[in-house]
């Protein structure tokens, strides 16, 4: 029965584009690999050869899907290339321990910080404390909270709040001056998919598609960070990356599960740092708990001179 359920979940994951509920099954690929391997060993012990063969195939299917997290990766850069540390965190608007966020920010020593869900007056003091370490911020009115907030040690030469279809979850785009370079940073927080509300899944897909069209023609160095509410194995995430010419900073750096922080067996990577253009990834890692249901991510990037 367990093997049959896993087979069905695999079929749903492979046909994720057909139905929003199927898309939810596309996110747990590592869990499928581990479960298939355990069940396969059990089937071999029981000499249930056909079931063991099916489970081995399932293990290979999902293992192939996640292989880029260990075998992929973007181009390397010389050690003297300009470096940039980017941190991104979904802080959870109702976070009961906001002090943990401040501790993380100060310990991360990030040059650029992207926060999502820091909205409402309860975040005013915390945002002010973070701003004391960052002379440049966006958008206007960040002091009172915003869907996406950017803090930077580099000057913000241009900023804009971009509202995707549906009028929800706006993006924040900012051009930063890094010496002779201009880096575009986009902060994103896509809608969360829901089996009970398929419209939310469709809205997320529209938001990702809009983002892809927005950055498709960009040629300079770019970083897109935030909570995408999808894993790299959703067809809609793959379409975003392919259409826009983006690269997942996590490729080649292993599995970085960020949500839900409170239940590690089900953790999946839905908080991402994506790069485009002459940007190399030196390292990316998960940060500590900040009191949110998401873990933050920290990426060390280098700009490549061309």
C-alpha atoms as a PDB file:
ATOM      1  CA  UNK A   1       0.000   0.000   0.000  1.00  0.00           C
ATOM      2  CA  UNK A   2       2.852   2.374   0.791  1.00  0.00           C
ATOM      3  CA  UNK A   3       4.484   1.625  -2.561  1.00  0.00           C
ATOM      4  CA  UNK A   4       1.174   2.202  -4.350  1.00  0.00           C
ATOM      5  CA  UNK A   5       0.701   5.566  -2.586  1.00  0.00           C
ATOM      6  CA  UNK A   6       4.232   6.624  -3.503  1.00  0.00           C
ATOM      7  CA  UNK A   7       3.659   5.586  -7.116  1.00  0.00           C
ATOM      8  CA  UNK A   8       0.495   7.675  -7.224  1.00  0.00           C
ATOM      9  CA  UNK A   9       2.296  10.671  -5.705  1.00  0.00           C
ATOM     10  CA  UNK A  10       4.988  10.288  -8.363  1.00  0.00           C
ATOM     11  CA  UNK A  11       2.413  10.297 -11.158  1.00  0.00           C
ATOM     12  CA  UNK A  12       0.830  13.445  -9.704  1.00  0.00           C
ATOM     13  CA  UNK A  13       4.250  15.133  -9.486  1.00  0.00           C
ATOM     14  CA  UNK A  14       5.053  14.296 -13.103  1.00  0.00           C
ATOM     15  CA  UNK A  15       1.766  15.816 -14.262  1.00  0.00           C
ATOM     16  CA  UNK A  16       1.940  18.852 -11.979  1.00  0.00           C
ATOM     17  CA  UNK A  17       1.065  21.267 -14.762  1.00  0.00           C
ATOM     18  CA  UNK A  18      -2.369  19.706 -15.293  1.00  0.00           C
ATOM     19  CA  UNK A  19      -3.927  20.587 -11.931  1.00  0.00           C
ATOM     20  CA  UNK A  20      -3.060  22.823  -9.019  1.00  0.00           C
ATOM     21  CA  UNK A  21      -3.407  19.943  -6.537  1.00  0.00           C
ATOM     22  CA  UNK A  22      -0.993  17.831  -8.578  1.00  0.00           C
ATOM     23  CA  UNK A  23       1.523  20.700  -8.367  1.00  0.00           C
ATOM     24  CA  UNK A  24       1.632  20.305  -4.572  1.00  0.00           C
ATOM     25  CA  UNK A  25       3.015  16.794  -5.045  1.00  0.00           C
ATOM     26  CA  UNK A  26       5.980  18.091  -7.056  1.00  0.00           C
ATOM     27  CA  UNK A  27       7.678  19.695  -4.052  1.00  0.00           C
ATOM     28  CA  UNK A  28       8.691  16.716  -1.902  1.00  0.00           C
ATOM     29  CA  UNK A  29      11.226  15.040  -4.185  1.00  0.00           C
ATOM     30  CA  UNK A  30      13.905  14.394  -1.566  1.00  0.00           C
ATOM     31  CA  UNK A  31      11.317  12.897   0.776  1.00  0.00           C
ATOM     32  CA  UNK A  32      10.153  10.613  -2.053  1.00  0.00           C
ATOM     33  CA  UNK A  33      13.726   9.467  -2.675  1.00  0.00           C
ATOM     34  CA  UNK A  34      14.277   8.624   0.993  1.00  0.00           C
ATOM     35  CA  UNK A  35      10.911   6.890   1.345  1.00  0.00           C
ATOM     36  CA  UNK A  36      11.364   4.924  -1.903  1.00  0.00           C
ATOM     37  CA  UNK A  37      14.830   3.779  -0.813  1.00  0.00           C
ATOM     38  CA  UNK A  38      13.518   2.616   2.579  1.00  0.00           C
ATOM     39  CA  UNK A  39      10.558   0.791   1.039  1.00  0.00           C
ATOM     40  CA  UNK A  40      12.781  -0.749  -1.632  1.00  0.00           C
ATOM     41  CA  UNK A  41      15.029  -2.250   1.031  1.00  0.00           C
ATOM     42  CA  UNK A  42      11.967  -3.616   2.783  1.00  0.00           C
ATOM     43  CA  UNK A  43      10.641  -5.106  -0.461  1.00  0.00           C
ATOM     44  CA  UNK A  44      14.018  -6.729  -1.142  1.00  0.00           C
ATOM     45  CA  UNK A  45      14.031  -8.215   2.356  1.00  0.00           C
ATOM     46  CA  UNK A  46      10.603  -9.681   1.669  1.00  0.00           C
ATOM     47  CA  UNK A  47      11.692 -10.796  -1.813  1.00  0.00           C
ATOM     48  CA  UNK A  48       8.890  -8.788  -3.378  1.00  0.00           C
ATOM     49  CA  UNK A  49      10.921  -8.277  -6.544  1.00  0.00           C
ATOM     50  CA  UNK A  50       8.336  -6.468  -8.725  1.00  0.00           C
ATOM     51  CA  UNK A  51       7.559  -3.963  -5.971  1.00  0.00           C
ATOM     52  CA  UNK A  52      11.283  -3.439  -5.346  1.00  0.00           C
ATOM     53  CA  UNK A  53      11.797  -2.752  -9.052  1.00  0.00           C
ATOM     54  CA  UNK A  54       8.984  -0.182  -9.141  1.00  0.00           C
ATOM     55  CA  UNK A  55      10.374   1.545  -6.042  1.00  0.00           C
ATOM     56  CA  UNK A  56      13.857   1.619  -7.558  1.00  0.00           C
ATOM     57  CA  UNK A  57      12.453   3.361 -10.630  1.00  0.00           C
ATOM     58  CA  UNK A  58      10.627   5.879  -8.438  1.00  0.00           C
ATOM     59  CA  UNK A  59      13.836   6.556  -6.540  1.00  0.00           C
ATOM     60  CA  UNK A  60      15.679   7.197  -9.805  1.00  0.00           C
ATOM     61  CA  UNK A  61      12.940   9.484 -11.149  1.00  0.00           C
ATOM     62  CA  UNK A  62      12.991  11.763  -8.138  1.00  0.00           C
ATOM     63  CA  UNK A  63      16.751  11.486  -7.689  1.00  0.00           C
ATOM     64  CA  UNK A  64      17.200  12.726 -11.245  1.00  0.00           C
ATOM     65  CA  UNK A  65      14.857  15.651 -10.557  1.00  0.00           C
ATOM     66  CA  UNK A  66      16.926  16.916  -7.613  1.00  0.00           C
ATOM     67  CA  UNK A  67      20.404  16.104  -8.939  1.00  0.00           C
ATOM     68  CA  UNK A  68      21.212  19.721  -9.858  1.00  0.00           C
ATOM     69  CA  UNK A  69      21.264  20.667  -6.196  1.00  0.00           C
ATOM     70  CA  UNK A  70      24.480  18.655  -5.931  1.00  0.00           C
ATOM     71  CA  UNK A  71      25.782  18.433  -9.503  1.00  0.00           C
ATOM     72  CA  UNK A  72      24.771  21.830 -10.893  1.00  0.00           C
ATOM     73  CA  UNK A  73      26.140  25.286 -10.208  1.00  0.00           C
ATOM     74  CA  UNK A  74      26.944  28.545 -11.930  1.00  0.00           C
ATOM     75  CA  UNK A  75      30.269  29.729 -13.252  1.00  0.00           C
ATOM     76  CA  UNK A  76      33.120  30.369 -10.863  1.00  0.00           C
ATOM     77  CA  UNK A  77      34.652  33.793 -10.392  1.00  0.00           C
ATOM     78  CA  UNK A  78      38.138  34.919  -9.489  1.00  0.00           C
ATOM     79  CA  UNK A  79      38.670  35.496  -5.776  1.00  0.00           C
ATOM     80  CA  UNK A  80      39.448  39.159  -6.414  1.00  0.00           C
ATOM     81  CA  UNK A  81      36.077  39.741  -8.129  1.00  0.00           C
ATOM     82  CA  UNK A  82      33.718  42.122  -6.287  1.00  0.00           C
ATOM     83  CA  UNK A  83      31.828  40.180  -3.622  1.00  0.00           C
ATOM     84  CA  UNK A  84      28.333  40.639  -2.297  1.00  0.00           C
ATOM     85  CA  UNK A  85      26.545  38.848   0.529  1.00  0.00           C
ATOM     86  CA  UNK A  86      22.777  38.686   0.112  1.00  0.00           C
ATOM     87  CA  UNK A  87      20.416  37.545   2.860  1.00  0.00           C
ATOM     88  CA  UNK A  88      16.710  36.898   2.402  1.00  0.00           C
ATOM     89  CA  UNK A  89      14.080  36.096   5.014  1.00  0.00           C
ATOM     90  CA  UNK A  90      10.348  35.694   5.275  1.00  0.00           C
ATOM     91  CA  UNK A  91      10.023  37.084   8.792  1.00  0.00           C
ATOM     92  CA  UNK A  92       6.363  36.018   9.357  1.00  0.00           C
ATOM     93  CA  UNK A  93       4.218  39.024  10.176  1.00  0.00           C
ATOM     94  CA  UNK A  94       3.030  37.403  13.424  1.00  0.00           C
ATOM     95  CA  UNK A  95       6.540  36.316  14.473  1.00  0.00           C
ATOM     96  CA  UNK A  96       6.492  35.868  18.282  1.00  0.00           C
ATOM     97  CA  UNK A  97      10.278  36.358  18.617  1.00  0.00           C
ATOM     98  CA  UNK A  98      11.302  39.276  16.372  1.00  0.00           C
ATOM     99  CA  UNK A  99      14.525  39.760  18.341  1.00  0.00           C
ATOM    100  CA  UNK A 100      15.814  36.579  16.688  1.00  0.00           C
ATOM    101  CA  UNK A 101      15.555  38.316  13.328  1.00  0.00           C
ATOM    102  CA  UNK A 102      17.753  41.180  14.498  1.00  0.00           C
ATOM    103  CA  UNK A 103      20.293  38.699  15.886  1.00  0.00           C
ATOM    104  CA  UNK A 104      20.378  36.900  12.536  1.00  0.00           C
ATOM    105  CA  UNK A 105      20.762  40.098  10.532  1.00  0.00           C
ATOM    106  CA  UNK A 106      23.700  41.289  12.607  1.00  0.00           C
ATOM    107  CA  UNK A 107      25.378  37.873  12.586  1.00  0.00           C
ATOM    108  CA  UNK A 108      24.932  37.405   8.832  1.00  0.00           C
ATOM    109  CA  UNK A 109      26.850  40.604   8.014  1.00  0.00           C
ATOM    110  CA  UNK A 110      24.953  40.796   4.730  1.00  0.00           C
ATOM    111  CA  UNK A 111      25.567  43.620   2.274  1.00  0.00           C
ATOM    112  CA  UNK A 112      22.004  43.370   0.976  1.00  0.00           C
ATOM    113  CA  UNK A 113      19.023  42.197   3.010  1.00  0.00           C
ATOM    114  CA  UNK A 114      15.594  41.338   1.589  1.00  0.00           C
ATOM    115  CA  UNK A 115      12.740  40.962   4.069  1.00  0.00           C
ATOM    116  CA  UNK A 116       9.184  39.918   3.271  1.00  0.00           C
ATOM    117  CA  UNK A 117       6.097  40.038   5.499  1.00  0.00           C
ATOM    118  CA  UNK A 118       7.478  42.720   7.833  1.00  0.00           C
ATOM    119  CA  UNK A 119       4.228  44.660   7.814  1.00  0.00           C
ATOM    120  CA  UNK A 120       2.347  46.636  10.376  1.00  0.00           C
ATOM    121  CA  UNK A 121       3.303  48.841  13.285  1.00  0.00           C
ATOM    122  CA  UNK A 122       4.667  46.003  15.423  1.00  0.00           C
ATOM    123  CA  UNK A 123       7.721  45.862  13.146  1.00  0.00           C
ATOM    124  CA  UNK A 124       8.533  49.569  13.327  1.00  0.00           C
ATOM    125  CA  UNK A 125      11.102  49.346  16.126  1.00  0.00           C
ATOM    126  CA  UNK A 126      12.746  46.241  14.678  1.00  0.00           C
ATOM    127  CA  UNK A 127      13.053  47.810  11.219  1.00  0.00           C
ATOM    128  CA  UNK A 128      14.581  50.924  12.757  1.00  0.00           C
ATOM    129  CA  UNK A 129      17.155  48.781  14.580  1.00  0.00           C
ATOM    130  CA  UNK A 130      18.085  46.995  11.350  1.00  0.00           C
ATOM    131  CA  UNK A 131      18.253  50.297   9.460  1.00  0.00           C
ATOM    132  CA  UNK A 132      20.894  51.542  11.896  1.00  0.00           C
ATOM    133  CA  UNK A 133      23.332  49.161  10.165  1.00  0.00           C
ATOM    134  CA  UNK A 134      22.182  49.907   6.602  1.00  0.00           C
ATOM    135  CA  UNK A 135      22.354  53.448   5.223  1.00  0.00           C
ATOM    136  CA  UNK A 136      20.227  52.662   2.153  1.00  0.00           C
ATOM    137  CA  UNK A 137      16.673  51.305   2.190  1.00  0.00           C
ATOM    138  CA  UNK A 138      13.677  50.834  -0.069  1.00  0.00           C
ATOM    139  CA  UNK A 139      10.815  51.335  -0.709  1.00  0.00           C
ATOM    140  CA  UNK A 140       9.696  54.750   0.427  1.00  0.00           C
ATOM    141  CA  UNK A 141       7.780  54.422   3.664  1.00  0.00           C
ATOM    142  CA  UNK A 142       9.642  51.259   4.717  1.00  0.00           C
ATOM    143  CA  UNK A 143       9.668  52.540   8.315  1.00  0.00           C
ATOM    144  CA  UNK A 144       6.054  51.448   8.773  1.00  0.00           C
ATOM    145  CA  UNK A 145       6.546  48.040   7.214  1.00  0.00           C
ATOM    146  CA  UNK A 146       5.952  46.818   3.663  1.00  0.00           C
ATOM    147  CA  UNK A 147       5.364  43.536   1.779  1.00  0.00           C
ATOM    148  CA  UNK A 148       9.011  43.583   0.644  1.00  0.00           C
ATOM    149  CA  UNK A 149      11.775  45.710   2.173  1.00  0.00           C
ATOM    150  CA  UNK A 150      15.371  46.043   1.026  1.00  0.00           C
ATOM    151  CA  UNK A 151      18.295  47.159   3.194  1.00  0.00           C
ATOM    152  CA  UNK A 152      21.637  47.830   1.512  1.00  0.00           C
ATOM    153  CA  UNK A 153      25.135  48.996   2.304  1.00  0.00           C
ATOM    154  CA  UNK A 154      25.401  50.153  -1.302  1.00  0.00           C
ATOM    155  CA  UNK A 155      23.569  53.195  -2.673  1.00  0.00           C
ATOM    156  CA  UNK A 156      20.128  52.668  -4.174  1.00  0.00           C
ATOM    157  CA  UNK A 157      20.150  54.654  -7.419  1.00  0.00           C
ATOM    158  CA  UNK A 158      16.657  53.662  -8.527  1.00  0.00           C
ATOM    159  CA  UNK A 159      13.746  51.800  -6.971  1.00  0.00           C
ATOM    160  CA  UNK A 160      10.250  50.787  -7.984  1.00  0.00           C
ATOM    161  CA  UNK A 161       7.354  48.800  -6.562  1.00  0.00           C
ATOM    162  CA  UNK A 162       5.876  46.569  -9.260  1.00  0.00           C
ATOM    163  CA  UNK A 163       2.366  45.200  -8.862  1.00  0.00           C
ATOM    164  CA  UNK A 164       1.822  41.874 -10.673  1.00  0.00           C
ATOM    165  CA  UNK A 165      -1.545  40.604 -11.976  1.00  0.00           C
ATOM    166  CA  UNK A 166      -4.212  40.407  -9.310  1.00  0.00           C
ATOM    167  CA  UNK A 167      -2.899  43.430  -7.435  1.00  0.00           C
ATOM    168  CA  UNK A 168      -1.316  41.374  -4.642  1.00  0.00           C
ATOM    169  CA  UNK A 169       2.219  40.584  -3.479  1.00  0.00           C
ATOM    170  CA  UNK A 170       4.099  43.440  -5.194  1.00  0.00           C
ATOM    171  CA  UNK A 171       7.744  43.063  -6.200  1.00  0.00           C
ATOM    172  CA  UNK A 172      10.408  45.517  -5.150  1.00  0.00           C
ATOM    173  CA  UNK A 173      13.095  46.290  -7.722  1.00  0.00           C
ATOM    174  CA  UNK A 174      16.156  48.373  -6.924  1.00  0.00           C
ATOM    175  CA  UNK A 175      19.353  49.260  -8.787  1.00  0.00           C
ATOM    176  CA  UNK A 176      22.397  49.338  -6.508  1.00  0.00           C
ATOM    177  CA  UNK A 177      25.682  51.080  -7.240  1.00  0.00           C
ATOM    178  CA  UNK A 178      28.609  48.727  -6.538  1.00  0.00           C
ATOM    179  CA  UNK A 179      31.629  50.738  -7.602  1.00  0.00           C
ATOM    180  CA  UNK A 180      31.707  50.539 -11.389  1.00  0.00           C
ATOM    181  CA  UNK A 181      28.888  47.992 -11.427  1.00  0.00           C
ATOM    182  CA  UNK A 182      25.135  48.448 -11.253  1.00  0.00           C
ATOM    183  CA  UNK A 183      23.325  45.489  -9.740  1.00  0.00           C
ATOM    184  CA  UNK A 184      19.579  45.014  -9.948  1.00  0.00           C
ATOM    185  CA  UNK A 185      18.000  43.375  -6.905  1.00  0.00           C
ATOM    186  CA  UNK A 186      14.390  42.191  -6.975  1.00  0.00           C
ATOM    187  CA  UNK A 187      12.573  41.158  -3.809  1.00  0.00           C
ATOM    188  CA  UNK A 188       9.669  38.764  -4.317  1.00  0.00           C
ATOM    189  CA  UNK A 189       6.945  37.091  -2.284  1.00  0.00           C
ATOM    190  CA  UNK A 190       4.628  34.977  -4.417  1.00  0.00           C
ATOM    191  CA  UNK A 191       1.185  33.835  -3.307  1.00  0.00           C
ATOM    192  CA  UNK A 192       0.992  30.555  -1.413  1.00  0.00           C
ATOM    193  CA  UNK A 193      -0.604  27.601  -3.238  1.00  0.00           C
ATOM    194  CA  UNK A 194      -3.546  25.911  -1.572  1.00  0.00           C
ATOM    195  CA  UNK A 195      -5.459  22.693  -2.312  1.00  0.00           C
ATOM    196  CA  UNK A 196      -8.585  24.358  -0.909  1.00  0.00           C
ATOM    197  CA  UNK A 197      -8.157  27.546  -2.931  1.00  0.00           C
ATOM    198  CA  UNK A 198      -6.887  26.723  -6.424  1.00  0.00           C
ATOM    199  CA  UNK A 199      -7.173  30.405  -7.304  1.00  0.00           C
ATOM    200  CA  UNK A 200      -4.201  31.115  -5.023  1.00  0.00           C
ATOM    201  CA  UNK A 201      -2.088  28.592  -6.924  1.00  0.00           C
ATOM    202  CA  UNK A 202      -3.117  30.144 -10.232  1.00  0.00           C
ATOM    203  CA  UNK A 203      -2.326  33.592  -8.856  1.00  0.00           C
ATOM    204  CA  UNK A 204       1.155  32.418  -7.837  1.00  0.00           C
ATOM    205  CA  UNK A 205       1.741  31.018 -11.324  1.00  0.00           C
ATOM    206  CA  UNK A 206       0.652  34.315 -12.897  1.00  0.00           C
ATOM    207  CA  UNK A 207       2.986  36.208 -10.568  1.00  0.00           C
ATOM    208  CA  UNK A 208       5.934  33.990 -11.491  1.00  0.00           C
ATOM    209  CA  UNK A 209       5.132  34.349 -15.187  1.00  0.00           C
ATOM    210  CA  UNK A 210       4.908  38.112 -14.841  1.00  0.00           C
ATOM    211  CA  UNK A 211       8.262  38.179 -13.069  1.00  0.00           C
ATOM    212  CA  UNK A 212       9.811  36.109 -15.877  1.00  0.00           C
ATOM    213  CA  UNK A 213       8.567  38.568 -18.493  1.00  0.00           C
ATOM    214  CA  UNK A 214       9.738  41.472 -16.365  1.00  0.00           C
ATOM    215  CA  UNK A 215      13.374  40.371 -16.194  1.00  0.00           C
ATOM    216  CA  UNK A 216      13.626  38.392 -19.438  1.00  0.00           C
ATOM    217  CA  UNK A 217      15.409  41.157 -21.374  1.00  0.00           C
ATOM    218  CA  UNK A 218      17.696  42.289 -18.536  1.00  0.00           C
ATOM    219  CA  UNK A 219      21.366  41.960 -19.441  1.00  0.00           C
ATOM    220  CA  UNK A 220      23.237  43.307 -16.424  1.00  0.00           C
ATOM    221  CA  UNK A 221      23.915  41.482 -13.163  1.00  0.00           C
ATOM    222  CA  UNK A 222      20.716  40.668 -11.292  1.00  0.00           C
ATOM    223  CA  UNK A 223      19.683  38.976  -8.062  1.00  0.00           C
ATOM    224  CA  UNK A 224      16.116  37.940  -7.273  1.00  0.00           C
ATOM    225  CA  UNK A 225      15.520  36.869  -3.689  1.00  0.00           C
ATOM    226  CA  UNK A 226      12.560  36.072  -1.506  1.00  0.00           C
ATOM    227  CA  UNK A 227       9.801  33.597  -0.786  1.00  0.00           C
ATOM    228  CA  UNK A 228       8.620  32.066  -4.073  1.00  0.00           C
ATOM    229  CA  UNK A 229       6.219  29.613  -2.436  1.00  0.00           C
ATOM    230  CA  UNK A 230       7.377  26.892  -4.795  1.00  0.00           C
ATOM    231  CA  UNK A 231      10.297  24.501  -5.098  1.00  0.00           C
ATOM    232  CA  UNK A 232      12.674  24.169  -8.063  1.00  0.00           C
ATOM    233  CA  UNK A 233      10.720  21.103  -9.266  1.00  0.00           C
ATOM    234  CA  UNK A 234       7.432  22.801  -9.969  1.00  0.00           C
ATOM    235  CA  UNK A 235       6.999  23.268 -13.735  1.00  0.00           C
ATOM    236  CA  UNK A 236       6.067  26.886 -13.069  1.00  0.00           C
ATOM    237  CA  UNK A 237       9.341  27.579 -11.269  1.00  0.00           C
ATOM    238  CA  UNK A 238      11.276  25.879 -14.062  1.00  0.00           C
ATOM    239  CA  UNK A 239       9.416  28.030 -16.568  1.00  0.00           C
ATOM    240  CA  UNK A 240      10.387  31.169 -14.638  1.00  0.00           C
ATOM    241  CA  UNK A 241      14.047  30.182 -14.608  1.00  0.00           C
ATOM    242  CA  UNK A 242      14.115  29.131 -18.265  1.00  0.00           C
ATOM    243  CA  UNK A 243      12.127  32.055 -19.671  1.00  0.00           C
ATOM    244  CA  UNK A 244      14.023  34.700 -17.732  1.00  0.00           C
ATOM    245  CA  UNK A 245      17.476  33.128 -18.120  1.00  0.00           C
ATOM    246  CA  UNK A 246      17.929  32.822 -14.363  1.00  0.00           C
ATOM    247  CA  UNK A 247      20.081  30.414 -12.343  1.00  0.00           C
ATOM    248  CA  UNK A 248      19.275  28.970  -8.958  1.00  0.00           C
ATOM    249  CA  UNK A 249      22.056  29.918  -6.552  1.00  0.00           C
ATOM    250  CA  UNK A 250      21.438  26.685  -4.634  1.00  0.00           C
ATOM    251  CA  UNK A 251      22.487  24.483  -7.563  1.00  0.00           C
ATOM    252  CA  UNK A 252      25.645  22.637  -6.620  1.00  0.00           C
ATOM    253  CA  UNK A 253      25.290  23.510  -2.936  1.00  0.00           C
ATOM    254  CA  UNK A 254      22.984  20.766  -1.721  1.00  0.00           C
ATOM    255  CA  UNK A 255      19.484  20.665  -0.321  1.00  0.00           C
ATOM    256  CA  UNK A 256      18.461  23.805   1.585  1.00  0.00           C
ATOM    257  CA  UNK A 257      15.016  23.246   3.088  1.00  0.00           C
ATOM    258  CA  UNK A 258      13.520  26.487   4.401  1.00  0.00           C
ATOM    259  CA  UNK A 259       9.863  25.704   5.197  1.00  0.00           C
ATOM    260  CA  UNK A 260       8.236  24.638   7.473  1.00  0.00           C
ATOM    261  CA  UNK A 261      10.878  25.409  10.074  1.00  0.00           C
ATOM    262  CA  UNK A 262       8.883  23.573  12.768  1.00  0.00           C
ATOM    263  CA  UNK A 263       8.823  20.144  11.050  1.00  0.00           C
ATOM    264  CA  UNK A 264      12.153  19.114   9.554  1.00  0.00           C
ATOM    265  CA  UNK A 265      11.034  15.856   7.813  1.00  0.00           C
ATOM    266  CA  UNK A 266       8.811  17.865   5.466  1.00  0.00           C
ATOM    267  CA  UNK A 267      11.104  20.853   4.898  1.00  0.00           C
ATOM    268  CA  UNK A 268      11.271  21.990   1.285  1.00  0.00           C
ATOM    269  CA  UNK A 269      13.206  24.776  -0.452  1.00  0.00           C
ATOM    270  CA  UNK A 270      10.762  27.569  -1.275  1.00  0.00           C
ATOM    271  CA  UNK A 271      12.946  30.567  -0.326  1.00  0.00           C
ATOM    272  CA  UNK A 272      15.399  31.198  -3.121  1.00  0.00           C
ATOM    273  CA  UNK A 273      18.197  33.386  -4.407  1.00  0.00           C
ATOM    274  CA  UNK A 274      18.236  33.491  -8.201  1.00  0.00           C
ATOM    275  CA  UNK A 275      20.942  35.161 -10.249  1.00  0.00           C
ATOM    276  CA  UNK A 276      21.289  36.367 -13.805  1.00  0.00           C
ATOM    277  CA  UNK A 277      24.093  37.722 -15.930  1.00  0.00           C
ATOM    278  CA  UNK A 278      27.700  38.036 -14.749  1.00  0.00           C
ATOM    279  CA  UNK A 279      27.090  36.783 -11.218  1.00  0.00           C
ATOM    280  CA  UNK A 280      28.819  33.745  -9.697  1.00  0.00           C
ATOM    281  CA  UNK A 281      27.798  31.926  -6.534  1.00  0.00           C
ATOM    282  CA  UNK A 282      30.590  31.253  -4.054  1.00  0.00           C
ATOM    283  CA  UNK A 283      28.351  29.830  -1.345  1.00  0.00           C
ATOM    284  CA  UNK A 284      24.762  29.679  -0.147  1.00  0.00           C
ATOM    285  CA  UNK A 285      23.484  28.389   3.158  1.00  0.00           C
ATOM    286  CA  UNK A 286      20.474  28.333   5.420  1.00  0.00           C
ATOM    287  CA  UNK A 287      20.433  30.712   8.345  1.00  0.00           C
ATOM    288  CA  UNK A 288      19.277  29.975  11.908  1.00  0.00           C
ATOM    289  CA  UNK A 289      15.733  30.145  13.196  1.00  0.00           C
ATOM    290  CA  UNK A 290      14.381  33.688  13.347  1.00  0.00           C
ATOM    291  CA  UNK A 291      11.066  32.863  15.027  1.00  0.00           C
ATOM    292  CA  UNK A 292       9.385  32.566  11.626  1.00  0.00           C
ATOM    293  CA  UNK A 293       7.975  29.458   9.970  1.00  0.00           C
ATOM    294  CA  UNK A 294      10.678  30.004   7.316  1.00  0.00           C
ATOM    295  CA  UNK A 295      14.429  29.755   7.654  1.00  0.00           C
ATOM    296  CA  UNK A 296      16.410  32.581   6.024  1.00  0.00           C
ATOM    297  CA  UNK A 297      19.019  32.024   3.320  1.00  0.00           C
ATOM    298  CA  UNK A 298      22.398  33.709   2.904  1.00  0.00           C
ATOM    299  CA  UNK A 299      24.281  33.729  -0.410  1.00  0.00           C
ATOM    300  CA  UNK A 300      27.840  34.864  -1.096  1.00  0.00           C
ATOM    301  CA  UNK A 301      28.016  36.148  -4.653  1.00  0.00           C
ATOM    302  CA  UNK A 302      30.722  37.559  -6.883  1.00  0.00           C
ATOM    303  CA  UNK A 303      30.334  39.861  -9.879  1.00  0.00           C
ATOM    304  CA  UNK A 304      32.174  38.648 -12.963  1.00  0.00           C
ATOM    305  CA  UNK A 305      33.918  41.220 -15.179  1.00  0.00           C
ATOM    306  CA  UNK A 306      33.268  40.648 -18.845  1.00  0.00           C
END
